[in-house]
N, C-alpha and C. Protein backbone atom coordinates (compact mmCIF):
# COMPACT_ATOMS: atom_id res chain seq x y z
N MET A 1 0.93 -1.31 0.11
CA MET A 1 -0.02 0.00 0.08
C MET A 1 0.84 1.12 0.03
N GLY A 2 0.45 1.95 -0.99
CA GLY A 2 1.51 3.13 -1.10
C GLY A 2 1.13 4.36 0.07
N GLU A 3 1.87 5.24 0.19
CA GLU A 3 1.53 6.38 1.17
C GLU A 3 0.41 7.09 0.94
N ASN A 4 0.15 7.54 -0.41
CA ASN A 4 -1.19 8.12 -0.62
C ASN A 4 -2.28 7.40 -0.22
N GLU A 5 -2.22 5.99 -0.55
CA GLU A 5 -3.54 5.20 -0.05
C GLU A 5 -3.86 5.21 1.46
N ARG A 6 -2.71 5.25 2.15
CA ARG A 6 -2.80 5.24 3.62
C ARG A 6 -3.17 6.28 4.12
N LEU A 7 -2.79 7.53 3.75
CA LEU A 7 -3.25 8.82 3.95
C LEU A 7 -4.70 9.14 3.74
N ARG A 8 -5.32 8.56 2.56
CA ARG A 8 -6.70 8.74 2.27
C ARG A 8 -7.53 7.90 3.27
N GLU A 9 -6.98 6.64 3.79
CA GLU A 9 -7.83 5.98 4.59
C GLU A 9 -7.85 6.66 6.03
N GLU A 10 -6.72 7.35 6.40
CA GLU A 10 -6.66 7.98 7.56
C GLU A 10 -7.64 9.14 7.66
N ASN A 11 -7.57 9.82 6.52
CA ASN A 11 -8.39 11.02 6.39
C ASN A 11 -9.85 10.66 6.38
N GLU A 12 -10.38 9.61 5.83
CA GLU A 12 -11.59 9.10 5.77
C GLU A 12 -12.01 8.69 7.16
N ALA A 13 -11.27 8.14 8.10
CA ALA A 13 -11.43 7.76 9.41
C ALA A 13 -11.64 8.88 10.30
N LEU A 14 -10.95 9.99 9.94
CA LEU A 14 -11.00 11.27 10.81
C LEU A 14 -12.49 11.93 10.40
N ARG A 15 -12.78 11.76 9.16
CA ARG A 15 -14.23 12.38 8.75
C ARG A 15 -15.42 11.58 9.47
N ARG A 16 -15.17 10.27 9.46
CA ARG A 16 -16.17 9.44 10.22
C ARG A 16 -16.42 9.93 11.69
N ASN A 17 -15.16 9.90 12.22
CA ASN A 17 -15.07 10.46 13.66
C ASN A 17 -15.66 11.62 13.91
N GLN A 18 -15.33 12.59 12.98
CA GLN A 18 -16.01 14.13 13.14
C GLN A 18 -17.53 14.17 13.03
N ALA A 19 -18.02 13.50 12.08
CA ALA A 19 -19.44 13.01 11.90
C ALA A 19 -20.12 12.57 13.20
N LYS A 20 -19.52 11.51 13.72
CA LYS A 20 -20.02 11.11 15.11
C LYS A 20 -20.17 12.22 16.08
N LEU A 21 -18.90 12.85 16.20
CA LEU A 21 -18.80 13.85 17.30
C LEU A 21 -19.86 15.12 17.01
N GLU A 22 -19.93 15.43 15.77
CA GLU A 22 -21.03 16.36 15.51
C GLU A 22 -22.48 15.96 15.81
N SER A 23 -22.74 14.71 15.49
CA SER A 23 -23.94 14.14 15.92
C SER A 23 -24.26 14.13 17.51
N LEU A 24 -23.17 13.68 18.07
CA LEU A 24 -23.15 13.82 19.53
C LEU A 24 -23.61 15.06 20.14
N LEU A 25 -22.76 16.01 19.40
CA LEU A 25 -22.66 17.45 19.89
C LEU A 25 -24.38 18.07 19.59
N GLU A 26 -24.89 17.71 18.55
CA GLU A 26 -26.29 18.05 18.33
C GLU A 26 -27.21 17.40 19.35
N ALA A 27 -27.02 16.16 19.63
CA ALA A 27 -27.84 15.47 20.75
C ALA A 27 -27.76 16.14 22.08
N VAL A 28 -26.54 16.58 22.47
CA VAL A 28 -26.21 17.26 23.94
C VAL A 28 -27.02 18.55 23.76
N GLN A 29 -26.81 19.43 22.64
CA GLN A 29 -27.32 20.63 22.51
C GLN A 29 -28.88 20.54 22.61
N THR A 30 -29.47 19.61 22.11
CA THR A 30 -30.84 19.39 22.10
C THR A 30 -31.22 19.16 23.64
N ASP A 31 -30.58 18.31 24.30
CA ASP A 31 -30.82 18.02 25.69
C ASP A 31 -30.75 19.37 26.54
N CYS A 32 -29.69 20.07 26.32
CA CYS A 32 -29.58 21.45 26.88
C CYS A 32 -30.68 22.33 26.75
N LEU A 33 -31.29 22.36 25.45
CA LEU A 33 -32.39 23.23 25.10
C LEU A 33 -33.61 22.86 26.01
N PHE A 34 -33.74 21.42 26.02
CA PHE A 34 -34.99 20.89 26.83
C PHE A 34 -34.84 21.27 28.21
N ALA A 35 -33.61 21.19 28.73
CA ALA A 35 -33.42 21.33 30.14
C ALA A 35 -33.52 22.72 30.46
N HIS A 36 -33.12 23.78 29.65
CA HIS A 36 -33.35 25.29 29.76
C HIS A 36 -34.85 25.51 29.68
N GLN A 37 -35.61 24.90 28.77
CA GLN A 37 -36.94 25.12 28.84
C GLN A 37 -37.67 24.70 30.11
N HIS A 38 -37.37 23.54 30.43
CA HIS A 38 -37.87 23.11 31.83
C HIS A 38 -37.42 23.80 33.03
N ILE A 39 -36.34 24.43 33.19
CA ILE A 39 -35.91 25.28 34.10
C ILE A 39 -36.72 26.44 34.12
N ALA A 40 -36.75 27.22 32.86
CA ALA A 40 -37.45 28.40 32.75
C ALA A 40 -39.00 28.10 33.07
N ALA A 41 -39.66 26.97 32.94
CA ALA A 41 -41.11 26.85 33.35
C ALA A 41 -41.07 26.69 34.62
N ILE A 42 -40.28 25.94 35.26
CA ILE A 42 -40.26 25.84 36.75
C ILE A 42 -39.93 27.12 37.39
N GLN A 43 -39.09 27.92 36.80
CA GLN A 43 -38.97 29.35 37.34
C GLN A 43 -40.01 30.18 37.31
N ALA A 44 -40.70 29.86 36.05
CA ALA A 44 -41.92 31.02 35.88
C ALA A 44 -43.11 30.69 36.90
N GLU A 45 -43.33 29.26 37.15
CA GLU A 45 -44.37 29.00 38.09
C GLU A 45 -43.95 29.44 39.57
N HIS A 46 -42.81 29.21 39.87
CA HIS A 46 -42.12 29.80 41.31
C HIS A 46 -42.45 31.17 41.43
N ASN A 47 -42.26 31.83 40.34
CA ASN A 47 -42.37 33.38 40.27
C ASN A 47 -43.81 33.75 40.62
N ILE A 48 -44.87 32.98 39.90
CA ILE A 48 -46.26 33.13 40.05
C ILE A 48 -46.71 32.94 41.40
N LYS A 49 -46.30 31.78 41.91
CA LYS A 49 -46.56 31.28 43.51
C LYS A 49 -45.98 32.32 44.48
N LYS A 50 -44.95 32.87 44.32
CA LYS A 50 -44.29 33.99 45.00
C LYS A 50 -44.95 35.23 45.10
N LYS A 51 -45.61 35.67 43.90
CA LYS A 51 -46.21 36.91 43.78
C LYS A 51 -47.55 36.68 44.51
N ASP A 52 -48.24 35.47 44.42
CA ASP A 52 -49.45 35.28 45.11
C ASP A 52 -49.32 35.18 46.54
N LYS A 53 -48.24 34.74 47.01
CA LYS A 53 -47.98 34.65 48.49
C LYS A 53 -47.63 36.02 49.15
N GLN A 54 -47.02 36.90 48.18
CA GLN A 54 -46.78 38.10 48.62
C GLN A 54 -47.94 39.03 48.75
N LYS A 55 -48.89 38.80 47.69
CA LYS A 55 -50.34 39.54 47.80
C LYS A 55 -51.02 39.07 49.03
N ARG A 56 -51.02 37.79 49.63
CA ARG A 56 -51.75 37.35 50.59
C ARG A 56 -51.05 37.76 51.91
N SER A 57 -49.84 38.14 51.94
CA SER A 57 -49.19 38.46 53.03
C SER A 57 -49.57 39.86 53.65
N ASN A 58 -49.16 40.09 54.92
CA ASN A 58 -49.86 41.48 55.55
C ASN A 58 -49.06 42.53 54.89
N THR A 59 -49.68 43.47 54.38
CA THR A 59 -48.85 44.68 53.80
C THR A 59 -48.68 45.67 54.61
N LYS A 60 -49.20 45.59 55.96
CA LYS A 60 -49.15 46.63 56.91
C LYS A 60 -47.82 46.41 57.81
N ALA A 61 -46.87 45.59 57.36
CA ALA A 61 -45.75 45.30 58.18
C ALA A 61 -44.94 46.65 58.23
N GLU A 62 -44.41 46.77 59.34
CA GLU A 62 -43.53 48.09 59.63
C GLU A 62 -42.18 47.82 59.37
N TRP A 63 -41.61 48.66 58.45
CA TRP A 63 -40.16 48.34 58.15
C TRP A 63 -39.43 49.60 58.88
N LEU A 64 -38.38 49.11 59.71
CA LEU A 64 -37.71 50.02 60.49
C LEU A 64 -36.20 50.14 59.97
N THR A 65 -35.76 51.45 60.15
CA THR A 65 -34.27 51.64 60.05
C THR A 65 -33.47 51.07 61.13
N ASP A 66 -32.21 50.91 60.84
CA ASP A 66 -31.29 50.50 61.90
C ASP A 66 -31.33 51.24 63.33
N GLU A 67 -31.48 52.50 63.05
CA GLU A 67 -31.59 53.44 64.17
C GLU A 67 -32.95 53.20 64.99
N GLU A 68 -34.00 53.21 64.17
CA GLU A 68 -35.41 52.93 64.86
C GLU A 68 -35.33 51.67 65.44
N TYR A 69 -34.78 50.56 64.82
CA TYR A 69 -34.84 49.28 65.38
C TYR A 69 -34.00 49.20 66.82
N ARG A 70 -32.77 49.67 66.72
CA ARG A 70 -32.01 49.77 68.06
C ARG A 70 -32.90 50.73 69.21
N LYS A 71 -33.54 51.77 68.84
CA LYS A 71 -34.39 52.65 69.70
C LYS A 71 -35.46 51.67 70.21
N THR A 72 -36.11 50.94 69.42
CA THR A 72 -37.36 49.93 69.75
C THR A 72 -36.72 48.87 70.78
N LYS A 73 -35.65 48.31 70.51
CA LYS A 73 -35.18 47.10 71.31
C LYS A 73 -34.66 47.91 72.46
N ALA A 74 -33.99 48.84 72.47
CA ALA A 74 -33.60 49.59 73.92
C ALA A 74 -34.77 49.98 74.70
N ALA A 75 -35.99 50.55 74.22
CA ALA A 75 -37.17 50.74 75.03
C ALA A 75 -37.83 49.41 75.70
N GLU A 76 -37.87 48.28 74.56
CA GLU A 76 -38.35 47.16 75.30
C GLU A 76 -37.50 46.79 76.38
N LYS A 77 -36.18 46.69 76.19
CA LYS A 77 -35.25 46.21 77.22
C LYS A 77 -35.44 47.09 78.65
N ALA A 78 -35.66 48.24 78.49
CA ALA A 78 -35.83 49.21 79.62
C ALA A 78 -37.07 48.77 80.19
N GLU A 79 -38.12 48.66 79.56
CA GLU A 79 -39.45 48.27 79.93
C GLU A 79 -39.37 46.75 80.91
N ARG A 80 -38.65 45.83 80.30
CA ARG A 80 -38.41 44.56 80.78
C ARG A 80 -37.69 44.75 82.15
N GLU A 81 -36.57 45.54 81.94
CA GLU A 81 -35.81 45.60 83.17
C GLU A 81 -36.51 46.34 84.49
N LYS A 82 -37.37 47.35 84.05
CA LYS A 82 -38.28 47.97 85.00
C LYS A 82 -39.29 46.95 85.63
N LYS A 83 -39.89 46.17 84.84
CA LYS A 83 -40.77 45.28 85.33
C LYS A 83 -40.08 44.27 86.37
N GLU A 84 -38.93 43.68 86.04
CA GLU A 84 -38.31 42.71 86.74
C GLU A 84 -37.71 43.25 88.02
N GLU A 85 -37.47 44.62 88.08
CA GLU A 85 -37.18 45.44 89.24
C GLU A 85 -38.14 45.60 90.23
N GLU A 86 -39.44 45.94 89.70
CA GLU A 86 -40.63 46.02 90.34
C GLU A 86 -40.86 44.75 91.08
N ALA A 87 -40.84 43.75 90.42
CA ALA A 87 -41.16 42.44 90.75
C ALA A 87 -40.23 41.80 92.03
N ARG A 88 -38.81 42.15 91.73
CA ARG A 88 -37.91 41.95 92.80
C ARG A 88 -38.31 42.69 94.06
N VAL A 89 -38.44 43.80 93.93
CA VAL A 89 -38.74 44.78 95.08
C VAL A 89 -39.99 44.32 95.87
N ALA A 90 -41.09 44.04 95.06
CA ALA A 90 -42.33 43.59 95.74
C ALA A 90 -41.96 41.98 96.46
N LYS A 91 -41.19 41.34 95.59
CA LYS A 91 -40.91 39.99 96.56
C LYS A 91 -40.11 40.18 97.75
N GLU A 92 -39.20 41.11 97.71
CA GLU A 92 -38.36 41.41 98.98
C GLU A 92 -39.43 42.02 99.94
N ARG A 93 -40.26 42.96 99.71
CA ARG A 93 -41.07 43.50 100.50
C ARG A 93 -41.98 42.30 101.22
N LYS A 94 -42.48 41.32 100.31
CA LYS A 94 -43.40 40.44 100.82
C LYS A 94 -42.43 39.48 101.87
N GLU A 95 -41.31 39.24 101.44
CA GLU A 95 -40.50 38.30 102.44
C GLU A 95 -40.23 39.12 103.78
N THR A 96 -39.98 40.53 103.54
CA THR A 96 -39.72 41.17 104.68
C THR A 96 -40.80 41.15 105.75
N GLU A 97 -42.00 41.52 105.09
CA GLU A 97 -43.34 41.50 105.76
C GLU A 97 -43.49 39.96 106.55
N GLY A 98 -43.31 39.02 105.81
CA GLY A 98 -43.55 37.67 106.19
C GLY A 98 -42.65 37.42 107.50
N ARG A 99 -41.48 37.62 107.35
CA ARG A 99 -40.56 37.63 108.60
C ARG A 99 -40.91 38.45 109.74
N ARG A 100 -41.45 39.74 109.55
CA ARG A 100 -41.78 40.37 110.68
C ARG A 100 -43.11 39.72 111.28
N ARG A 101 -44.01 39.37 110.42
CA ARG A 101 -45.36 38.73 111.04
C ARG A 101 -44.83 37.45 111.54
N GLN A 102 -43.91 36.67 111.18
CA GLN A 102 -43.63 35.38 111.89
C GLN A 102 -43.02 35.72 113.25
N GLY A 103 -42.13 36.72 113.13
CA GLY A 103 -41.73 37.15 114.74
C GLY A 103 -42.90 37.47 115.62
N ILE A 104 -43.91 38.06 115.29
CA ILE A 104 -45.02 38.50 115.92
C ILE A 104 -45.71 37.29 116.32
N ARG A 105 -45.89 36.38 115.40
CA ARG A 105 -46.64 35.04 115.66
C ARG A 105 -45.76 34.26 116.65
N ASN A 106 -44.47 34.04 116.58
CA ASN A 106 -43.70 33.41 117.51
C ASN A 106 -43.88 34.13 119.19
N GLU A 107 -43.74 35.55 119.04
CA GLU A 107 -44.05 35.96 120.35
C GLU A 107 -45.33 35.66 121.04
N ARG A 108 -46.55 35.82 120.14
CA ARG A 108 -47.87 35.62 120.63
C ARG A 108 -47.93 34.11 121.09
N ALA A 109 -47.19 33.21 120.45
CA ALA A 109 -47.47 31.80 120.71
C ALA A 109 -47.13 31.52 122.21
N VAL A 110 -46.06 32.34 122.55
CA VAL A 110 -45.37 32.18 124.00
C VAL A 110 -46.14 33.02 125.07
N LYS A 111 -46.23 34.23 124.69
CA LYS A 111 -46.83 35.22 125.67
C LYS A 111 -48.27 35.51 125.35
N GLY A 112 -48.84 35.27 124.11
CA GLY A 112 -50.10 35.84 123.85
C GLY A 112 -51.23 35.22 124.49
N GLU A 113 -52.36 36.11 124.53
CA GLU A 113 -53.52 35.65 125.10
C GLU A 113 -54.85 35.92 124.06
N PHE A 114 -55.43 34.72 123.80
CA PHE A 114 -56.22 34.83 122.74
C PHE A 114 -57.62 34.73 123.16
N THR A 115 -58.58 35.61 122.57
CA THR A 115 -59.92 35.80 122.95
C THR A 115 -60.80 35.61 121.75
N GLY A 116 -62.05 35.40 122.24
CA GLY A 116 -63.08 35.37 121.01
C GLY A 116 -63.33 34.05 120.64
N LEU A 117 -64.62 34.18 119.74
CA LEU A 117 -64.77 32.88 119.03
C LEU A 117 -63.86 32.50 117.75
N VAL A 118 -63.65 31.18 117.76
CA VAL A 118 -62.81 30.81 116.69
C VAL A 118 -63.76 30.53 115.46
N THR A 119 -64.13 31.46 114.44
CA THR A 119 -64.71 31.17 113.34
C THR A 119 -63.93 31.64 111.92
N GLY A 120 -64.42 31.09 110.91
CA GLY A 120 -63.91 31.52 109.71
C GLY A 120 -63.97 33.06 109.45
N LYS A 121 -64.82 33.89 110.33
CA LYS A 121 -64.77 35.28 110.11
C LYS A 121 -63.58 35.98 110.71
N LYS A 122 -62.84 35.32 111.51
CA LYS A 122 -61.70 35.90 112.21
C LYS A 122 -60.64 36.07 111.30
N SER A 123 -59.72 36.93 111.38
CA SER A 123 -58.80 37.39 110.48
C SER A 123 -57.71 36.15 110.38
N LYS A 124 -57.09 36.11 109.22
CA LYS A 124 -56.29 34.93 108.75
C LYS A 124 -55.00 34.88 109.71
N ASP A 125 -54.47 36.08 109.99
CA ASP A 125 -53.22 36.11 110.83
C ASP A 125 -53.71 35.85 112.38
N ASP A 126 -54.75 36.05 112.88
CA ASP A 126 -55.24 35.73 114.28
C ASP A 126 -55.41 34.26 114.36
N LEU A 127 -56.00 33.52 113.05
CA LEU A 127 -56.23 32.23 113.18
C LEU A 127 -54.81 31.42 113.15
N LYS A 128 -53.92 32.07 112.19
CA LYS A 128 -52.58 31.50 112.25
C LYS A 128 -51.81 31.65 113.59
N ASP A 129 -52.02 32.54 114.48
CA ASP A 129 -51.40 32.79 115.45
C ASP A 129 -51.91 31.67 116.53
N ILE A 130 -53.18 31.49 116.65
CA ILE A 130 -53.65 30.62 117.55
C ILE A 130 -53.33 29.17 117.10
N ALA A 131 -53.28 28.84 115.90
CA ALA A 131 -52.85 27.55 115.51
C ALA A 131 -51.29 27.35 115.64
N GLN A 132 -50.61 28.34 115.60
CA GLN A 132 -49.10 28.06 115.96
C GLN A 132 -48.95 27.79 117.27
N ALA A 133 -49.67 28.74 118.14
CA ALA A 133 -49.64 28.32 119.59
C ALA A 133 -50.12 26.94 120.06
N LEU A 134 -50.82 26.42 119.21
CA LEU A 134 -51.35 25.20 119.67
C LEU A 134 -50.61 24.02 118.86
N CYS A 135 -49.50 24.53 118.14
CA CYS A 135 -48.55 23.67 117.31
C CYS A 135 -49.50 22.76 116.26
N LEU A 136 -50.42 23.66 115.58
CA LEU A 136 -51.08 22.95 114.63
C LEU A 136 -50.69 23.64 113.28
N ASP A 137 -51.10 22.78 112.10
CA ASP A 137 -50.79 23.32 110.81
C ASP A 137 -51.33 24.44 110.56
N LEU A 138 -50.53 25.52 109.81
CA LEU A 138 -51.06 26.80 109.39
C LEU A 138 -51.73 26.82 108.02
N GLY A 139 -51.68 25.64 107.35
CA GLY A 139 -52.33 25.83 105.92
C GLY A 139 -53.72 25.73 105.87
N GLY A 140 -54.33 26.11 104.77
CA GLY A 140 -55.78 26.14 104.55
C GLY A 140 -56.32 27.38 104.65
N LYS A 141 -57.67 27.50 104.29
CA LYS A 141 -58.46 28.72 104.20
C LYS A 141 -58.81 28.98 105.82
N ASN A 142 -59.60 30.11 106.01
CA ASN A 142 -59.86 30.61 107.32
C ASN A 142 -60.85 29.45 107.91
N GLN A 143 -61.93 29.03 107.34
CA GLN A 143 -62.76 28.28 107.80
C GLN A 143 -62.10 26.83 108.11
N GLU A 144 -61.21 26.43 107.43
CA GLU A 144 -60.37 25.16 107.73
C GLU A 144 -59.54 25.40 108.90
N LEU A 145 -58.87 26.56 109.01
CA LEU A 145 -58.06 26.68 110.29
C LEU A 145 -58.96 26.79 111.44
N ALA A 146 -60.23 27.41 111.26
CA ALA A 146 -61.07 27.52 112.53
C ALA A 146 -61.51 26.20 112.95
N ASP A 147 -61.99 25.30 111.93
CA ASP A 147 -62.29 23.90 112.17
C ASP A 147 -61.24 23.26 112.80
N ARG A 148 -60.10 23.29 112.43
CA ARG A 148 -58.84 22.64 113.04
C ARG A 148 -58.72 22.96 114.31
N ILE A 149 -58.65 24.29 114.76
CA ILE A 149 -58.58 24.77 116.21
C ILE A 149 -59.68 24.39 117.00
N ASN A 150 -60.84 24.58 116.45
CA ASN A 150 -61.93 24.15 117.47
C ASN A 150 -61.91 22.49 117.65
N LYS A 151 -61.63 21.76 116.68
CA LYS A 151 -61.48 20.44 116.90
C LYS A 151 -60.50 20.14 118.25
N TYR A 152 -59.30 20.81 117.85
CA TYR A 152 -58.28 20.40 118.93
C TYR A 152 -58.70 21.03 120.28
N LEU A 153 -59.27 22.08 120.30
CA LEU A 153 -59.94 22.65 121.78
C LEU A 153 -60.99 21.70 122.29
N ASP A 154 -61.82 21.03 121.64
CA ASP A 154 -62.90 20.13 121.90
C ASP A 154 -61.92 18.91 122.58
N GLU A 155 -60.91 18.52 121.98
CA GLU A 155 -60.11 17.36 122.54
C GLU A 155 -59.23 17.52 123.47
N SER A 156 -58.97 18.88 123.82
CA SER A 156 -58.12 19.25 124.98
C SER A 156 -58.69 20.22 125.90
N PRO A 157 -59.64 19.56 126.64
CA PRO A 157 -60.21 20.55 127.67
C PRO A 157 -59.31 21.02 128.70
N ASN A 158 -58.21 20.52 129.09
CA ASN A 158 -57.19 20.90 129.91
C ASN A 158 -56.64 22.12 129.68
N LEU A 159 -56.66 22.70 128.35
CA LEU A 159 -56.22 23.96 128.03
C LEU A 159 -56.92 25.15 128.53
N LYS A 160 -58.12 24.85 129.26
CA LYS A 160 -58.78 25.91 130.06
C LYS A 160 -57.97 26.41 131.15
N ASP A 161 -56.93 25.62 131.48
CA ASP A 161 -56.19 26.22 132.73
C ASP A 161 -55.12 27.05 132.22
N ASP A 162 -54.86 26.90 130.84
CA ASP A 162 -53.66 27.66 130.26
C ASP A 162 -54.32 29.18 129.83
N LYS A 163 -53.53 30.10 130.49
CA LYS A 163 -54.07 31.80 130.59
C LYS A 163 -54.24 32.05 129.05
N ARG A 164 -53.17 31.57 128.08
CA ARG A 164 -53.24 32.03 126.65
C ARG A 164 -54.45 31.60 126.06
N PHE A 165 -55.17 30.64 126.51
CA PHE A 165 -56.54 30.01 125.66
C PHE A 165 -57.86 30.29 126.50
N GLN A 166 -57.74 30.73 127.76
CA GLN A 166 -58.98 30.87 128.49
C GLN A 166 -59.94 31.71 127.82
N GLY A 167 -59.58 32.78 127.24
CA GLY A 167 -60.44 33.55 126.48
C GLY A 167 -61.27 32.83 125.45
N LEU A 168 -60.52 31.86 124.91
CA LEU A 168 -61.10 31.04 123.75
C LEU A 168 -62.45 30.33 124.39
N PHE A 169 -62.10 29.58 125.31
CA PHE A 169 -63.13 28.83 126.10
C PHE A 169 -64.22 29.63 126.72
N THR A 170 -63.94 30.70 127.25
CA THR A 170 -64.92 31.54 127.77
C THR A 170 -65.77 32.07 126.70
N ALA A 171 -65.36 32.29 125.69
CA ALA A 171 -66.24 32.75 124.51
C ALA A 171 -67.16 31.62 123.92
N ARG A 172 -66.61 30.27 124.01
CA ARG A 172 -67.16 29.20 123.53
C ARG A 172 -68.45 29.00 124.52
N THR A 173 -68.09 29.11 125.90
CA THR A 173 -69.01 28.94 126.90
C THR A 173 -70.38 29.95 126.55
N ARG A 174 -69.86 31.19 126.35
CA ARG A 174 -70.86 32.12 126.28
C ARG A 174 -71.94 32.04 125.23
N SER A 175 -71.36 31.61 124.06
CA SER A 175 -72.12 31.36 122.82
C SER A 175 -73.17 30.21 122.83
N LYS A 176 -73.01 29.30 123.97
CA LYS A 176 -73.99 28.18 124.05
C LYS A 176 -75.08 28.65 124.71
N PRO A 177 -76.29 28.45 124.46
CA PRO A 177 -77.77 28.82 125.04
C PRO A 177 -77.87 28.08 126.13
N ASP A 178 -78.39 29.03 127.32
CA ASP A 178 -78.53 28.47 128.70
C ASP A 178 -79.85 27.56 128.56
N PRO A 179 -79.66 26.40 129.02
CA PRO A 179 -80.82 25.45 128.99
C PRO A 179 -81.99 25.91 129.87
N LYS A 180 -81.69 26.71 131.00
CA LYS A 180 -82.61 27.37 132.10
C LYS A 180 -83.55 28.39 131.39
N LYS A 181 -82.96 29.08 130.26
CA LYS A 181 -83.68 30.17 129.80
C LYS A 181 -84.45 29.80 128.63
N ARG A 182 -84.63 28.51 128.21
CA ARG A 182 -85.39 28.04 127.20
C ARG A 182 -86.75 28.23 127.55
N LYS A 183 -87.60 28.71 126.54
CA LYS A 183 -89.01 29.03 126.46
C LYS A 183 -89.69 27.64 126.78
N GLN A 184 -90.64 27.72 127.81
CA GLN A 184 -91.46 26.64 128.12
C GLN A 184 -92.48 26.52 127.00
N PRO A 185 -92.80 25.45 126.66
CA PRO A 185 -93.98 25.29 125.49
C PRO A 185 -95.42 25.54 126.32
N ALA A 186 -96.06 26.29 125.38
CA ALA A 186 -97.46 26.80 125.89
C ALA A 186 -98.45 25.62 125.88
N PRO A 187 -99.30 25.57 127.22
CA PRO A 187 -100.09 24.68 127.43
C PRO A 187 -101.21 24.37 126.34
N ALA A 188 -101.34 23.23 125.95
CA ALA A 188 -102.27 22.83 124.69
C ALA A 188 -103.50 23.08 125.27
N THR A 189 -104.33 23.48 124.36
CA THR A 189 -105.84 23.73 124.66
C THR A 189 -106.52 22.37 124.23
N SER A 190 -107.48 22.02 125.11
CA SER A 190 -108.24 20.82 124.64
C SER A 190 -109.61 21.39 124.15
N ASP A 191 -109.95 20.52 123.10
CA ASP A 191 -111.30 20.73 122.47
C ASP A 191 -112.40 20.19 123.26
N ARG A 192 -112.00 19.54 124.46
CA ARG A 192 -112.94 18.51 125.09
C ARG A 192 -113.87 19.73 125.80
N GLY A 193 -113.29 20.62 126.38
CA GLY A 193 -114.08 21.48 127.24
C GLY A 193 -115.10 22.27 126.33
N GLN A 194 -114.70 22.61 125.01
CA GLN A 194 -115.70 23.23 124.07
C GLN A 194 -116.87 22.23 123.71
N ASP A 195 -116.36 21.07 123.76
CA ASP A 195 -117.41 20.02 123.44
C ASP A 195 -118.32 19.83 124.64
N ASP A 196 -117.77 19.94 125.85
CA ASP A 196 -118.63 19.61 126.98
C ASP A 196 -119.70 20.74 126.91
N ILE A 197 -119.11 21.88 126.83
CA ILE A 197 -120.12 23.22 126.86
C ILE A 197 -121.23 22.96 125.88
N GLY A 198 -120.90 22.33 124.87
CA GLY A 198 -122.16 22.12 123.83
C GLY A 198 -122.92 20.94 124.13
N GLU A 199 -122.41 20.02 125.08
CA GLU A 199 -123.32 18.90 125.39
C GLU A 199 -123.55 18.73 126.93
N GLY A 200 -124.80 19.29 127.48
CA GLY A 200 -125.23 19.31 128.84
C GLY A 200 -124.39 20.08 129.61
N SER A 201 -123.89 21.33 129.18
CA SER A 201 -122.97 21.90 130.17
C SER A 201 -123.91 22.93 130.97
N THR A 202 -123.50 23.02 132.25
CA THR A 202 -124.55 23.81 133.06
C THR A 202 -124.20 25.35 132.92
N GLY A 203 -123.35 25.76 132.02
CA GLY A 203 -123.15 27.13 131.80
C GLY A 203 -124.22 27.92 131.26
N PRO A 204 -124.11 29.09 131.18
CA PRO A 204 -125.15 29.83 130.51
C PRO A 204 -125.42 29.66 129.13
N THR A 205 -126.53 29.49 128.65
CA THR A 205 -126.92 29.24 127.28
C THR A 205 -127.64 30.43 126.62
N SER A 206 -127.33 30.75 125.54
CA SER A 206 -128.13 31.88 124.96
C SER A 206 -129.36 31.47 124.45
N GLN A 207 -130.38 32.05 124.66
CA GLN A 207 -131.87 31.82 124.43
C GLN A 207 -132.41 32.92 123.42
N LYS A 208 -132.94 32.24 122.15
CA LYS A 208 -133.39 33.30 121.18
C LYS A 208 -134.94 33.46 121.63
N PRO A 209 -135.16 34.74 121.35
CA PRO A 209 -136.79 35.16 121.77
C PRO A 209 -137.55 34.34 120.77
N ARG A 210 -138.67 33.73 121.35
CA ARG A 210 -139.46 32.95 120.76
C ARG A 210 -140.59 33.96 119.88
N LEU A 211 -140.87 33.66 118.60
CA LEU A 211 -141.69 34.45 117.83
C LEU A 211 -143.12 34.27 118.18
N GLN A 212 -143.82 35.37 118.23
CA GLN A 212 -145.31 35.26 118.49
C GLN A 212 -146.10 34.77 117.36
């Protein structure tokens, strides 16, 4: 085979390869075109949904500049700190008052003298003072405290000799009705006497004048 024949065959092979590459390039370009069209359609659909969402959103939103934002946040922080300080002061005041009242309660438990009826109408502090002096639980509402105290007094008659509680027993005694002062029932009237008067009684009877 001569040199010219060999060169013609190589040239023919190169042309065939070029044709294959051109065909492959055309296919790739077609795929790219379809891909671009698909992406464009998706983007268009996304934009439509985004616009609809923006239309449905609240158009009254307040846009703040950086300076306005800082001022707003500073005011919110100051208000929050003010409320926290007020709560802290109120808590300390309540704890101080509680300690002061507990001191009074401890002193009354040892040296106090309690008087009056123990009812739910008595002040909460008085009821707690009495309960502590009797070493009872201080929890519950007024009526619960009163019932607890009265039950203990009923079960502890020996406390009448304790100067601290004598006034409570005296008030309980005075509140009980005196059986001697109870009203006597009125005597029942008998209908028999009236019947007797109508049947053969010797008492005066009224006579009607006889008509002529």
